[in-house]
Each structure stands twice: as C-alpha cells, then as structure tokens.
Amino acid sequence: MSPVYEKFLSSRVNYIETSPIREAVSKIAARSRVAKVISFAAGEPDPDVIPRELYGELAREVFAREKKSVAYSPADGLPDLKAEIAGFMKEYEGVATTPENIVVTLGGSQAIDIVGRLMLDPGDIVFVENPSYVNTILVWRHYGVRTIGIPVDDEGMVTERLEEAVKAMRGEGRKLKLVYTIPTGQNPSGVTMSMERRKHLLEIASRHDLLIVEDAAYNHLVYEPAGIKPLRAMDGEGRVLYIGSFSKIFGTGLRIGWLEAPGEIVEKARAAKGPMDMCAPVPSQYIVLNILRNKLYRTIREKAVSEYRVKRDLMISAIEKHLPGLRHTRPVAGMFILLWLPGMLDGRVFADQLLEKHNVAVIPAAAFYTDDSGRNVVRLNFSMSEKDLIEEGVKRMSMLLKEMTGSSQAT
C-alpha cells in the first residue's frame, strides 16, 4: 500500500482478509485456460440443472408486462414477493411468519452482513461451527469480533462443547452475542445437525440469553429423510434469526435471499439496507416471485435433488474405491464433502499440486476453521461436477497422494 493512501484508510481495513475461495478460483481459472480441469472446487448449483429456458420466458414476460421491473423496488423487497416468501416458509419450513418480518436481500450473504452491522461491536464474541462458512467468518471479522469455533461431528455442532465455551467466556466477562450455524448440509462439511442437538442449541440460547443465526442455504437440498426441522420452526422465544436463500436451487446469479426476524430487528435491517443497495435486483425479484406464484418451486427442487444425489453417490463411491481408509463426511444434504488427507499433509500444498500436475481442483479447507485443525483437510463439491469425470478426478487425487506419501494406501 502506497504511503500516500495508507493514511486515509480506516482502522477497519486491519480486519479485512482476502477470501481463500476467490484466490483458489483465480488459480483454477488460470489453469483452465491451458488445460481441461476437473473441478470439485465450486460452491454452487449446476447451470445445466437450472431451468434457464424457463427463466428466459419469465424474464420476457416480466419486462413486457411489469413497468416497475426496471425501477427501484422498496428496499426490503417487492411486497408480493415478501408475501410469497412468507407462504413459502409456512409450506416448506413449517414457519408461521408475515411479510412484515421479511427483508429481501442480495442473496443470503447480504443478510449475514446486515446482521453483523446491526448486532456486532468490536470485541464481541460470536460462536461458529468449526469448520464454518469462511465468508461469514471473514465478513463478521470486519466488525472486529472474536469468533470461537465449536467442534462439529457427524451430528453437527457439538452443543455440549458450545455450552462449555459459553460458560468459560461468561466467566471471563466477555460480551457474548450470537451463535451462527448452518444446521442442514453444512458448508464445508456437508454435515446435518441432529434433532437432539437442535433442541439443545435452542435450550442453550435461552438459558444463556443468546441469539441464533440460522443459515438455511441448503435446507432444500436434502437427499434422504432426515427427520429434522429448521431451528426457526422450533423456536418459541424469537431467538432465531433466519437467513434464507434461493441461490442453491434457482442459481446463485439471481442474488435473491432474505432475512426473517422479529419486527424490531427487521425495522433496523430495512433502514440499514436502503443506503447500501437501494434494493435487490428487481428483475430477479420478479422472476422468483413468478416461480413461487406459479407453484414451480417443487419441480425445480426435485430435479436438483435427484441430480445431486446421483453425483454425491458417485463421489462417495469413488472415494471409497480409490482413497480407502481416508476419513470423509457422508452428507445427507448440501453440496460438499470434507476429506482428511493422510497424516499432516498440508491441504494447500496438496490442492496446488493437484491442480498443477493433475488438472483437478479442490478447495483447501484450512480457512474454514478457526484454529489449525483443518490444515490437512480439503473440501470437495459434487453439485457442479461432471458425472462421467467424478471417478477420474478422485483417481487423480489418489495418484497424487501416492506421489506425495510414497504409499498407495490412505491411512
């Protein structure tokens, strides 16, 4: 940074870090210009599964019939869309809410940022899953908070450890605010929180006077009966702030998500959001409105679930065939599998060499962790993978591991 400009920067820039996902995407894009890359690195739905022709038809209708499609909407979203989202939450999530409790946002990401703006001060404590979604960790660090990672196992956040951490922080006189969780199809692990843990989490929030931020991005990519409910549907005290998103079903480019929260918080969220962006993209709001109004959501979701279930099964089968003995998650929802490399093999080094030598892209998972426990972990995405290349990509991973460790057995 040039000294000429450094003196003009705010102290907040000290909290700003580059997203490792963006760095990885840049490397993959550069490699893709010179070679065919098998990518397990993405974090979004397959464009070939999304009904783009339908969107084209809806867009033509919107621009032809809706003069307001090229104008601002209210900052908190089209009233009709908020009403449809309220109905959607009732039908698909079992959550009774009203349009007045909803703010339409630029995807779930903006809702996460708004929560940070409204609720977090420097020095506040936020509890997150360890690992957790890296961009939430990064954006909330902009507000000078301290993130405390709570271990995750096959049933999700280990809530017993959460309560221990809450008591310890209280004992130190710390200011505790939020628990952030992706309870279904967690990013990056793919793990889904059990009902017992969900109940315990709500009990902890009530007992220790905390709010829960439920990131529901993957709630509707569930591949087997899991016997679960959203935390928001189980919340009897108004302690859950619900962050919804249509990105993982309808496509990330539409940029339509929402925050559902008590009225007092929504009022502040509406006031904060207006100067930020004026409103979410109005054509996208109308497209999503018409998808919901015309009862098209179920068909779109069912196709996505069917396609991604096949890809998930292909990836797990390939891992068990070509990487026997390596620990990995078995997601019942979401888009991701975590894979632990043998020994303390560095995930960043592995990812770099895998891309350079074998033209396969994965995401090193260390940045998703709040400590050093994820150094030997990589994240694999199956939703964007080409079915006929999944096994080949995993086979190349096995080849590199053999080169790096001198053994064909992953132990």
Protein backbone atom coordinates (compact mmCIF):
# COMPACT_ATOMS: atom_id res chain seq x y z
CA MET A 1 0.00 0.00 0.00
CA SER A 2 1.35 3.38 -1.01
CA PRO A 3 2.01 5.72 1.95
CA VAL A 4 0.07 8.34 0.02
CA TYR A 5 -3.17 6.39 0.53
CA GLU A 6 -2.43 4.48 3.72
CA LYS A 7 -3.16 7.48 5.95
CA PHE A 8 -6.70 7.72 4.52
CA LEU A 9 -7.71 4.16 5.34
CA SER A 10 -9.94 3.35 8.28
CA SER A 11 -8.88 1.04 11.09
CA ARG A 12 -11.40 -1.47 9.75
CA VAL A 13 -9.08 -2.43 6.91
CA ASN A 14 -6.97 -4.23 9.50
CA TYR A 15 -9.80 -6.77 9.78
CA ILE A 16 -10.21 -7.30 6.04
CA GLU A 17 -8.80 -10.52 4.60
CA THR A 18 -8.88 -11.91 1.08
CA SER A 19 -11.27 -14.81 0.63
CA PRO A 20 -9.28 -18.01 0.05
CA ILE A 21 -12.12 -19.25 -2.14
CA ARG A 22 -11.61 -16.33 -4.51
CA GLU A 23 -7.88 -16.97 -4.55
CA ALA A 24 -8.49 -20.62 -5.42
CA VAL A 25 -11.00 -19.69 -8.14
CA SER A 26 -8.42 -17.38 -9.73
CA LYS A 27 -5.85 -20.19 -9.83
CA ILE A 28 -8.39 -22.58 -11.32
CA ALA A 29 -9.44 -20.05 -13.97
CA ALA A 30 -5.81 -19.52 -14.96
CA ARG A 31 -5.19 -23.26 -15.19
CA SER A 32 -8.40 -23.78 -17.18
CA ARG A 33 -7.05 -21.55 -19.92
CA VAL A 34 -4.29 -24.06 -20.67
CA ALA A 35 -5.83 -27.43 -19.68
CA LYS A 36 -9.12 -29.23 -19.09
CA VAL A 37 -9.71 -29.04 -15.34
CA ILE A 38 -11.91 -31.45 -13.41
CA SER A 39 -13.31 -29.15 -10.74
CA PHE A 40 -14.51 -30.22 -7.31
CA ALA A 41 -14.00 -26.66 -6.11
CA ALA A 42 -17.28 -24.92 -6.86
CA GLY A 43 -19.89 -23.99 -4.30
CA GLU A 44 -22.96 -23.54 -6.43
CA PRO A 45 -25.61 -25.44 -8.39
CA ASP A 46 -25.03 -26.92 -11.83
CA PRO A 47 -26.21 -24.48 -14.57
CA ASP A 48 -27.40 -27.48 -16.59
CA VAL A 49 -29.78 -28.45 -13.78
CA ILE A 50 -31.26 -24.95 -13.51
CA PRO A 51 -34.21 -24.31 -15.90
CA ARG A 52 -32.63 -21.43 -17.79
CA GLU A 53 -35.14 -21.56 -20.66
CA LEU A 54 -37.96 -21.13 -18.16
CA TYR A 55 -36.15 -18.14 -16.68
CA GLY A 56 -35.85 -16.66 -20.16
CA GLU A 57 -39.60 -16.98 -20.67
CA LEU A 58 -40.34 -15.49 -17.28
CA ALA A 59 -37.92 -12.63 -17.91
CA ARG A 60 -39.56 -11.80 -21.23
CA GLU A 61 -42.96 -11.70 -19.53
CA VAL A 62 -41.63 -9.59 -16.68
CA PHE A 63 -40.06 -6.96 -18.91
CA ALA A 64 -43.08 -6.90 -21.22
CA ARG A 65 -45.75 -6.64 -18.54
CA GLU A 66 -44.14 -5.05 -15.50
CA LYS A 67 -43.13 -1.43 -15.97
CA LYS A 68 -41.70 -1.46 -12.46
CA SER A 69 -39.27 -4.23 -13.39
CA VAL A 70 -36.77 -1.57 -14.48
CA ALA A 71 -37.33 0.68 -11.47
CA TYR A 72 -36.45 0.51 -7.80
CA SER A 73 -38.46 -1.68 -5.51
CA PRO A 74 -38.83 -0.93 -1.80
CA ALA A 75 -35.52 -1.53 -0.04
CA ASP A 76 -36.93 -4.57 1.76
CA GLY A 77 -38.31 -6.13 -1.42
CA LEU A 78 -41.43 -6.30 -3.56
CA PRO A 79 -44.46 -6.63 -1.26
CA ASP A 80 -45.85 -9.51 -3.33
CA LEU A 81 -42.53 -11.35 -3.16
CA LYS A 82 -42.36 -10.94 0.61
CA ALA A 83 -45.87 -12.36 0.85
CA GLU A 84 -44.87 -15.35 -1.30
CA ILE A 85 -41.74 -15.93 0.80
CA ALA A 86 -43.86 -15.91 3.96
CA GLY A 87 -46.12 -18.52 2.37
CA PHE A 88 -43.07 -20.49 1.23
CA MET A 89 -41.70 -20.59 4.77
CA LYS A 90 -45.03 -21.84 6.06
CA GLU A 91 -45.39 -24.55 3.40
CA TYR A 92 -41.80 -25.81 3.22
CA GLU A 93 -40.30 -24.89 6.60
CA GLY A 94 -43.27 -25.03 8.96
CA VAL A 95 -42.60 -21.42 10.00
CA ALA A 96 -45.55 -19.12 10.58
CA THR A 97 -44.40 -15.62 9.72
CA THR A 98 -45.62 -12.47 7.99
CA PRO A 99 -44.29 -10.30 5.15
CA GLU A 100 -43.55 -7.62 7.75
CA ASN A 101 -40.90 -9.89 9.26
CA ILE A 102 -39.03 -10.34 5.97
CA VAL A 103 -36.35 -8.30 4.22
CA VAL A 104 -35.38 -9.41 0.70
CA THR A 105 -31.60 -9.28 0.29
CA LEU A 106 -28.80 -9.76 -2.23
CA GLY A 107 -28.60 -13.45 -1.53
CA GLY A 108 -28.01 -14.85 1.94
CA SER A 109 -24.61 -13.14 2.03
CA GLN A 110 -26.06 -9.66 2.39
CA ALA A 111 -28.38 -10.85 5.13
CA ILE A 112 -25.34 -12.14 7.03
CA ASP A 113 -23.62 -8.77 6.60
CA ILE A 114 -26.72 -6.89 7.75
CA VAL A 115 -26.89 -8.99 10.92
CA GLY A 116 -23.25 -8.09 11.57
CA ARG A 117 -23.89 -4.38 11.03
CA LEU A 118 -26.85 -4.39 13.38
CA MET A 119 -25.54 -6.55 16.18
CA LEU A 120 -21.77 -6.77 16.36
CA ASP A 121 -19.31 -4.43 18.04
CA PRO A 122 -15.52 -4.78 18.30
CA GLY A 123 -14.67 -7.32 20.97
CA ASP A 124 -17.98 -9.18 20.83
CA ILE A 125 -17.90 -12.98 20.91
CA VAL A 126 -19.57 -14.96 18.13
CA PHE A 127 -19.74 -18.75 18.25
CA VAL A 128 -19.48 -20.61 14.95
CA GLU A 129 -19.14 -24.21 13.90
CA ASN A 130 -15.57 -25.37 13.43
CA PRO A 131 -15.35 -25.56 10.45
CA SER A 132 -17.84 -22.96 9.25
CA TYR A 133 -18.62 -20.95 6.12
CA VAL A 134 -15.48 -18.93 5.52
CA ASN A 135 -17.20 -15.84 4.09
CA THR A 136 -19.35 -15.43 7.20
CA ILE A 137 -16.22 -15.61 9.35
CA LEU A 138 -14.50 -13.05 7.13
CA VAL A 139 -17.36 -10.56 6.90
CA TRP A 140 -18.07 -10.58 10.63
CA ARG A 141 -14.39 -10.07 11.36
CA HIS A 142 -14.81 -6.74 9.57
CA TYR A 143 -16.70 -5.67 12.69
CA GLY A 144 -13.82 -6.57 14.99
CA VAL A 145 -15.46 -9.58 16.62
CA ARG A 146 -13.79 -12.67 18.00
CA THR A 147 -15.04 -15.94 16.53
CA ILE A 148 -14.96 -19.02 18.76
CA GLY A 149 -15.09 -22.31 16.88
CA ILE A 150 -17.18 -25.18 18.27
CA PRO A 151 -16.28 -28.68 17.04
CA VAL A 152 -18.52 -30.50 14.56
CA ASP A 153 -19.10 -34.24 14.37
CA ASP A 154 -21.49 -36.42 12.39
CA GLU A 155 -24.47 -34.89 14.26
CA GLY A 156 -23.43 -31.30 13.67
CA MET A 157 -22.23 -28.76 16.19
CA VAL A 158 -21.25 -30.46 19.45
CA THR A 159 -23.60 -28.44 21.62
CA GLU A 160 -22.11 -29.73 24.87
CA ARG A 161 -18.84 -28.06 23.86
CA LEU A 162 -20.77 -24.92 22.95
CA GLU A 163 -22.23 -24.67 26.43
CA GLU A 164 -18.80 -25.20 27.96
CA ALA A 165 -17.40 -22.38 25.82
CA VAL A 166 -20.29 -20.06 26.70
CA LYS A 167 -19.74 -20.62 30.40
CA ALA A 168 -16.00 -20.07 30.04
CA MET A 169 -16.45 -16.81 28.13
CA ARG A 170 -19.07 -15.58 30.60
CA GLY A 171 -16.62 -16.34 33.40
CA GLU A 172 -14.10 -14.05 31.70
CA GLY A 173 -16.66 -11.28 31.48
CA ARG A 174 -16.86 -11.42 27.70
CA LYS A 175 -19.75 -9.93 25.73
CA LEU A 176 -21.49 -12.85 24.01
CA LYS A 177 -23.90 -12.16 21.15
CA LEU A 178 -24.58 -14.80 18.51
CA VAL A 179 -24.34 -18.46 17.61
CA TYR A 180 -24.04 -18.93 13.84
CA THR A 181 -24.96 -22.31 12.39
CA ILE A 182 -25.67 -23.95 9.05
CA PRO A 183 -27.62 -26.86 10.55
CA THR A 184 -28.54 -28.62 7.30
CA GLY A 185 -25.97 -29.68 4.68
CA GLN A 186 -23.33 -27.55 6.37
CA ASN A 187 -20.71 -25.73 4.30
CA PRO A 188 -17.98 -27.01 4.18
CA SER A 189 -18.61 -30.35 5.91
CA GLY A 190 -21.97 -31.40 4.47
CA VAL A 191 -22.99 -32.49 7.99
CA THR A 192 -26.59 -32.11 9.17
CA MET A 193 -27.38 -31.34 12.81
CA SER A 194 -29.50 -33.94 14.62
CA MET A 195 -32.82 -33.01 16.20
CA GLU A 196 -31.39 -33.65 19.68
CA ARG A 197 -28.61 -31.15 19.04
CA ARG A 198 -31.07 -28.63 17.59
CA LYS A 199 -33.19 -28.82 20.72
CA HIS A 200 -30.11 -28.47 22.91
CA LEU A 201 -28.88 -25.48 20.94
CA LEU A 202 -32.20 -23.69 21.49
CA GLU A 203 -32.05 -24.55 25.19
CA ILE A 204 -28.53 -23.10 25.44
CA ALA A 205 -29.59 -19.89 23.69
CA SER A 206 -32.50 -19.49 26.09
CA ARG A 207 -30.51 -20.36 29.20
CA HIS A 208 -27.60 -18.05 28.37
CA ASP A 209 -29.51 -15.27 26.58
CA LEU A 210 -28.02 -15.66 23.09
CA LEU A 211 -29.40 -15.25 19.60
CA ILE A 212 -29.00 -17.92 16.92
CA VAL A 213 -28.36 -17.07 13.28
CA GLU A 214 -29.68 -19.98 11.20
CA ASP A 215 -28.18 -20.05 7.71
CA ALA A 216 -30.70 -22.10 5.74
CA ALA A 217 -28.90 -22.01 2.39
CA TYR A 218 -29.03 -25.81 1.97
CA ASN A 219 -32.33 -26.60 3.69
CA HIS A 220 -33.93 -27.76 0.46
CA LEU A 221 -31.11 -29.90 -0.88
CA VAL A 222 -31.88 -32.91 1.32
CA TYR A 223 -31.31 -36.33 -0.25
CA GLU A 224 -32.72 -38.73 2.34
CA PRO A 225 -35.35 -38.48 5.07
CA ALA A 226 -33.51 -36.85 7.96
CA GLY A 227 -36.30 -36.30 10.49
CA ILE A 228 -35.30 -32.67 11.09
CA LYS A 229 -36.96 -29.28 11.36
CA PRO A 230 -35.48 -25.82 10.87
CA LEU A 231 -34.39 -24.22 14.12
CA ARG A 232 -36.72 -21.34 13.34
CA ALA A 233 -39.69 -23.74 13.29
CA MET A 234 -38.71 -24.98 16.75
CA ASP A 235 -38.08 -21.54 18.24
CA GLY A 236 -40.68 -20.45 20.78
CA GLU A 237 -38.84 -17.37 22.09
CA GLY A 238 -37.89 -15.40 18.98
CA ARG A 239 -34.19 -16.21 19.39
CA VAL A 240 -33.58 -17.45 15.82
CA LEU A 241 -32.74 -15.05 13.01
CA TYR A 242 -33.42 -16.98 9.80
CA ILE A 243 -31.33 -16.38 6.69
CA GLY A 244 -32.92 -17.87 3.59
CA SER A 245 -31.61 -18.12 0.06
CA PHE A 246 -32.89 -19.33 -3.30
CA SER A 247 -29.35 -19.42 -4.70
CA LYS A 248 -28.69 -23.13 -4.25
CA ILE A 249 -31.91 -24.12 -6.04
CA PHE A 250 -32.60 -21.30 -8.52
CA GLY A 251 -29.00 -20.26 -9.19
CA THR A 252 -26.50 -18.01 -7.46
CA GLY A 253 -26.66 -15.31 -10.14
CA LEU A 254 -30.23 -14.28 -9.32
CA ARG A 255 -28.98 -12.94 -5.96
CA ILE A 256 -32.24 -13.32 -4.05
CA GLY A 257 -32.21 -14.21 -0.39
CA TRP A 258 -33.94 -12.91 2.71
CA LEU A 259 -33.70 -12.23 6.41
CA GLU A 260 -36.66 -13.30 8.54
CA ALA A 261 -36.58 -11.88 12.05
CA PRO A 262 -38.65 -10.17 14.74
CA GLY A 263 -40.16 -6.86 13.70
CA GLU A 264 -37.82 -4.68 15.75
CA ILE A 265 -34.80 -6.19 14.01
CA VAL A 266 -36.42 -6.05 10.57
CA GLU A 267 -37.12 -2.36 11.03
CA LYS A 268 -33.44 -1.70 11.69
CA ALA A 269 -32.42 -4.05 8.86
CA ARG A 270 -34.65 -2.17 6.42
CA ALA A 271 -33.13 1.14 7.48
CA ALA A 272 -29.57 -0.23 7.18
CA LYS A 273 -30.15 -1.83 3.80
CA GLY A 274 -31.67 1.13 1.96
CA PRO A 275 -28.47 3.20 1.72
CA MET A 276 -26.42 0.06 0.94
CA ASP A 277 -28.03 -1.04 -2.32
CA MET A 278 -31.47 0.63 -2.61
CA CYS A 279 -32.94 -2.81 -3.34
CA ALA A 280 -32.17 -6.32 -4.56
CA PRO A 281 -32.21 -6.73 -8.38
CA VAL A 282 -35.81 -6.07 -9.34
CA PRO A 283 -35.93 -8.34 -12.45
CA SER A 284 -34.64 -11.20 -10.29
CA GLN A 285 -37.26 -10.41 -7.64
CA TYR A 286 -39.99 -10.68 -10.27
CA ILE A 287 -38.61 -13.94 -11.67
CA VAL A 288 -38.55 -15.52 -8.21
CA LEU A 289 -42.00 -14.09 -7.47
CA ASN A 290 -43.42 -15.78 -10.54
CA ILE A 291 -41.69 -19.09 -9.80
CA LEU A 292 -43.30 -19.13 -6.36
CA ARG A 293 -46.66 -17.75 -7.50
CA ASN A 294 -46.95 -20.33 -10.31
CA LYS A 295 -46.02 -23.22 -7.98
CA LEU A 296 -42.88 -24.11 -9.95
CA TYR A 297 -40.54 -24.40 -6.99
CA ARG A 298 -41.23 -28.04 -6.14
CA THR A 299 -40.43 -29.26 -9.66
CA ILE A 300 -37.21 -27.25 -9.83
CA ARG A 301 -36.10 -28.52 -6.44
CA GLU A 302 -36.95 -32.15 -7.17
CA LYS A 303 -34.81 -32.11 -10.30
CA ALA A 304 -31.89 -30.60 -8.38
CA VAL A 305 -32.18 -33.12 -5.55
CA SER A 306 -32.36 -36.04 -7.99
CA GLU A 307 -29.31 -34.91 -9.96
CA TYR A 308 -27.14 -34.03 -6.98
CA ARG A 309 -27.99 -37.24 -5.14
CA VAL A 310 -26.54 -39.22 -8.05
CA LYS A 311 -23.40 -37.06 -8.09
CA ARG A 312 -22.97 -37.37 -4.34
CA ASP A 313 -23.23 -41.15 -4.52
CA LEU A 314 -20.73 -41.28 -7.38
CA MET A 315 -18.23 -39.21 -5.41
CA ILE A 316 -18.55 -41.21 -2.20
CA SER A 317 -18.22 -44.46 -4.15
CA ALA A 318 -15.10 -43.15 -5.91
CA ILE A 319 -13.53 -42.03 -2.62
CA GLU A 320 -14.12 -45.41 -1.02
CA LYS A 321 -12.70 -47.18 -4.08
CA HIS A 322 -9.63 -45.05 -4.76
CA LEU A 323 -8.92 -43.49 -1.34
CA PRO A 324 -9.68 -46.36 1.03
CA GLY A 325 -9.18 -45.56 4.67
CA LEU A 326 -9.35 -41.79 4.34
CA ARG A 327 -11.83 -40.10 6.64
CA HIS A 328 -14.60 -38.21 4.88
CA THR A 329 -18.06 -36.90 5.61
CA ARG A 330 -21.23 -38.52 4.24
CA PRO A 331 -23.69 -35.70 3.58
CA VAL A 332 -27.44 -36.27 3.59
CA ALA A 333 -27.88 -32.67 2.37
CA GLY A 334 -25.99 -29.82 0.75
CA MET A 335 -23.21 -29.84 -1.83
CA PHE A 336 -19.99 -30.72 -0.03
CA ILE A 337 -17.80 -33.50 1.31
CA LEU A 338 -14.82 -32.92 3.58
CA LEU A 339 -11.83 -35.20 3.06
CA TRP A 340 -8.98 -35.60 5.56
CA LEU A 341 -5.59 -36.18 3.96
CA PRO A 342 -3.24 -38.75 5.49
CA GLY A 343 -1.01 -37.66 8.34
CA MET A 344 -0.47 -33.92 8.42
CA LEU A 345 -0.25 -33.45 4.67
CA ASP A 346 -0.90 -29.78 4.02
CA GLY A 347 -4.19 -29.20 2.20
CA ARG A 348 -2.95 -26.05 0.46
CA VAL A 349 0.13 -27.81 -0.92
CA PHE A 350 -1.99 -30.78 -1.97
CA ALA A 351 -4.54 -28.55 -3.74
CA ASP A 352 -1.85 -26.59 -5.57
CA GLN A 353 -0.04 -29.71 -6.78
CA LEU A 354 -3.29 -31.45 -7.70
CA LEU A 355 -4.23 -28.55 -9.94
CA GLU A 356 -0.76 -28.10 -11.44
CA LYS A 357 0.13 -31.75 -12.00
CA HIS A 358 -3.22 -33.47 -12.48
CA ASN A 359 -5.66 -30.72 -13.51
CA VAL A 360 -8.08 -31.40 -10.65
CA ALA A 361 -9.36 -28.56 -8.47
CA VAL A 362 -10.31 -28.81 -4.79
CA ILE A 363 -10.53 -26.20 -2.04
CA PRO A 364 -8.09 -26.42 0.91
CA ALA A 365 -10.32 -26.25 3.97
CA ALA A 366 -7.98 -24.61 6.49
CA ALA A 367 -9.61 -21.19 6.11
CA PHE A 368 -12.98 -22.65 7.14
CA TYR A 369 -11.54 -23.45 10.57
CA THR A 370 -10.98 -21.06 13.45
CA ASP A 371 -7.84 -22.93 14.52
CA ASP A 372 -5.16 -25.10 12.90
CA SER A 373 -7.18 -28.33 13.00
CA GLY A 374 -8.13 -28.15 9.31
CA ARG A 375 -4.65 -27.92 7.79
CA ASN A 376 -4.86 -31.44 6.31
CA VAL A 377 -8.47 -31.16 5.08
CA VAL A 378 -9.86 -30.37 1.63
CA ARG A 379 -13.41 -29.56 0.56
CA LEU A 380 -14.95 -31.36 -2.40
CA ASN A 381 -18.06 -30.15 -4.23
CA PHE A 382 -20.22 -32.61 -6.12
CA SER A 383 -23.09 -30.45 -7.41
CA MET A 384 -21.04 -28.86 -10.22
CA SER A 385 -19.05 -31.97 -11.07
CA GLU A 386 -19.50 -33.72 -14.40
CA LYS A 387 -20.84 -37.18 -13.64
CA ASP A 388 -18.55 -39.02 -16.03
CA LEU A 389 -15.47 -37.26 -14.63
CA ILE A 390 -16.06 -37.70 -10.89
CA GLU A 391 -14.29 -41.04 -10.59
CA GLU A 392 -11.43 -39.89 -12.83
CA GLY A 393 -10.92 -36.83 -10.67
CA VAL A 394 -10.81 -38.88 -7.45
CA LYS A 395 -8.46 -41.37 -9.11
CA ARG A 396 -6.07 -38.50 -9.90
CA MET A 397 -6.25 -37.42 -6.27
CA SER A 398 -5.18 -40.94 -5.31
CA MET A 399 -2.29 -40.77 -7.77
CA LEU A 400 -1.02 -37.54 -6.23
CA LEU A 401 -1.30 -38.91 -2.71
CA LYS A 402 0.81 -41.86 -3.77
CA GLU A 403 3.39 -39.48 -5.22
CA MET A 404 3.43 -37.33 -2.08
CA THR A 405 3.43 -40.09 0.53
CA GLY A 406 5.06 -42.97 -1.33
CA SER A 407 2.12 -45.22 -0.47
CA SER A 408 -0.99 -46.34 -2.32
CA GLN A 409 -2.86 -46.80 0.95
CA ALA A 410 -4.56 -43.83 2.58
CA THR A 411 -4.29 -44.36 6.32
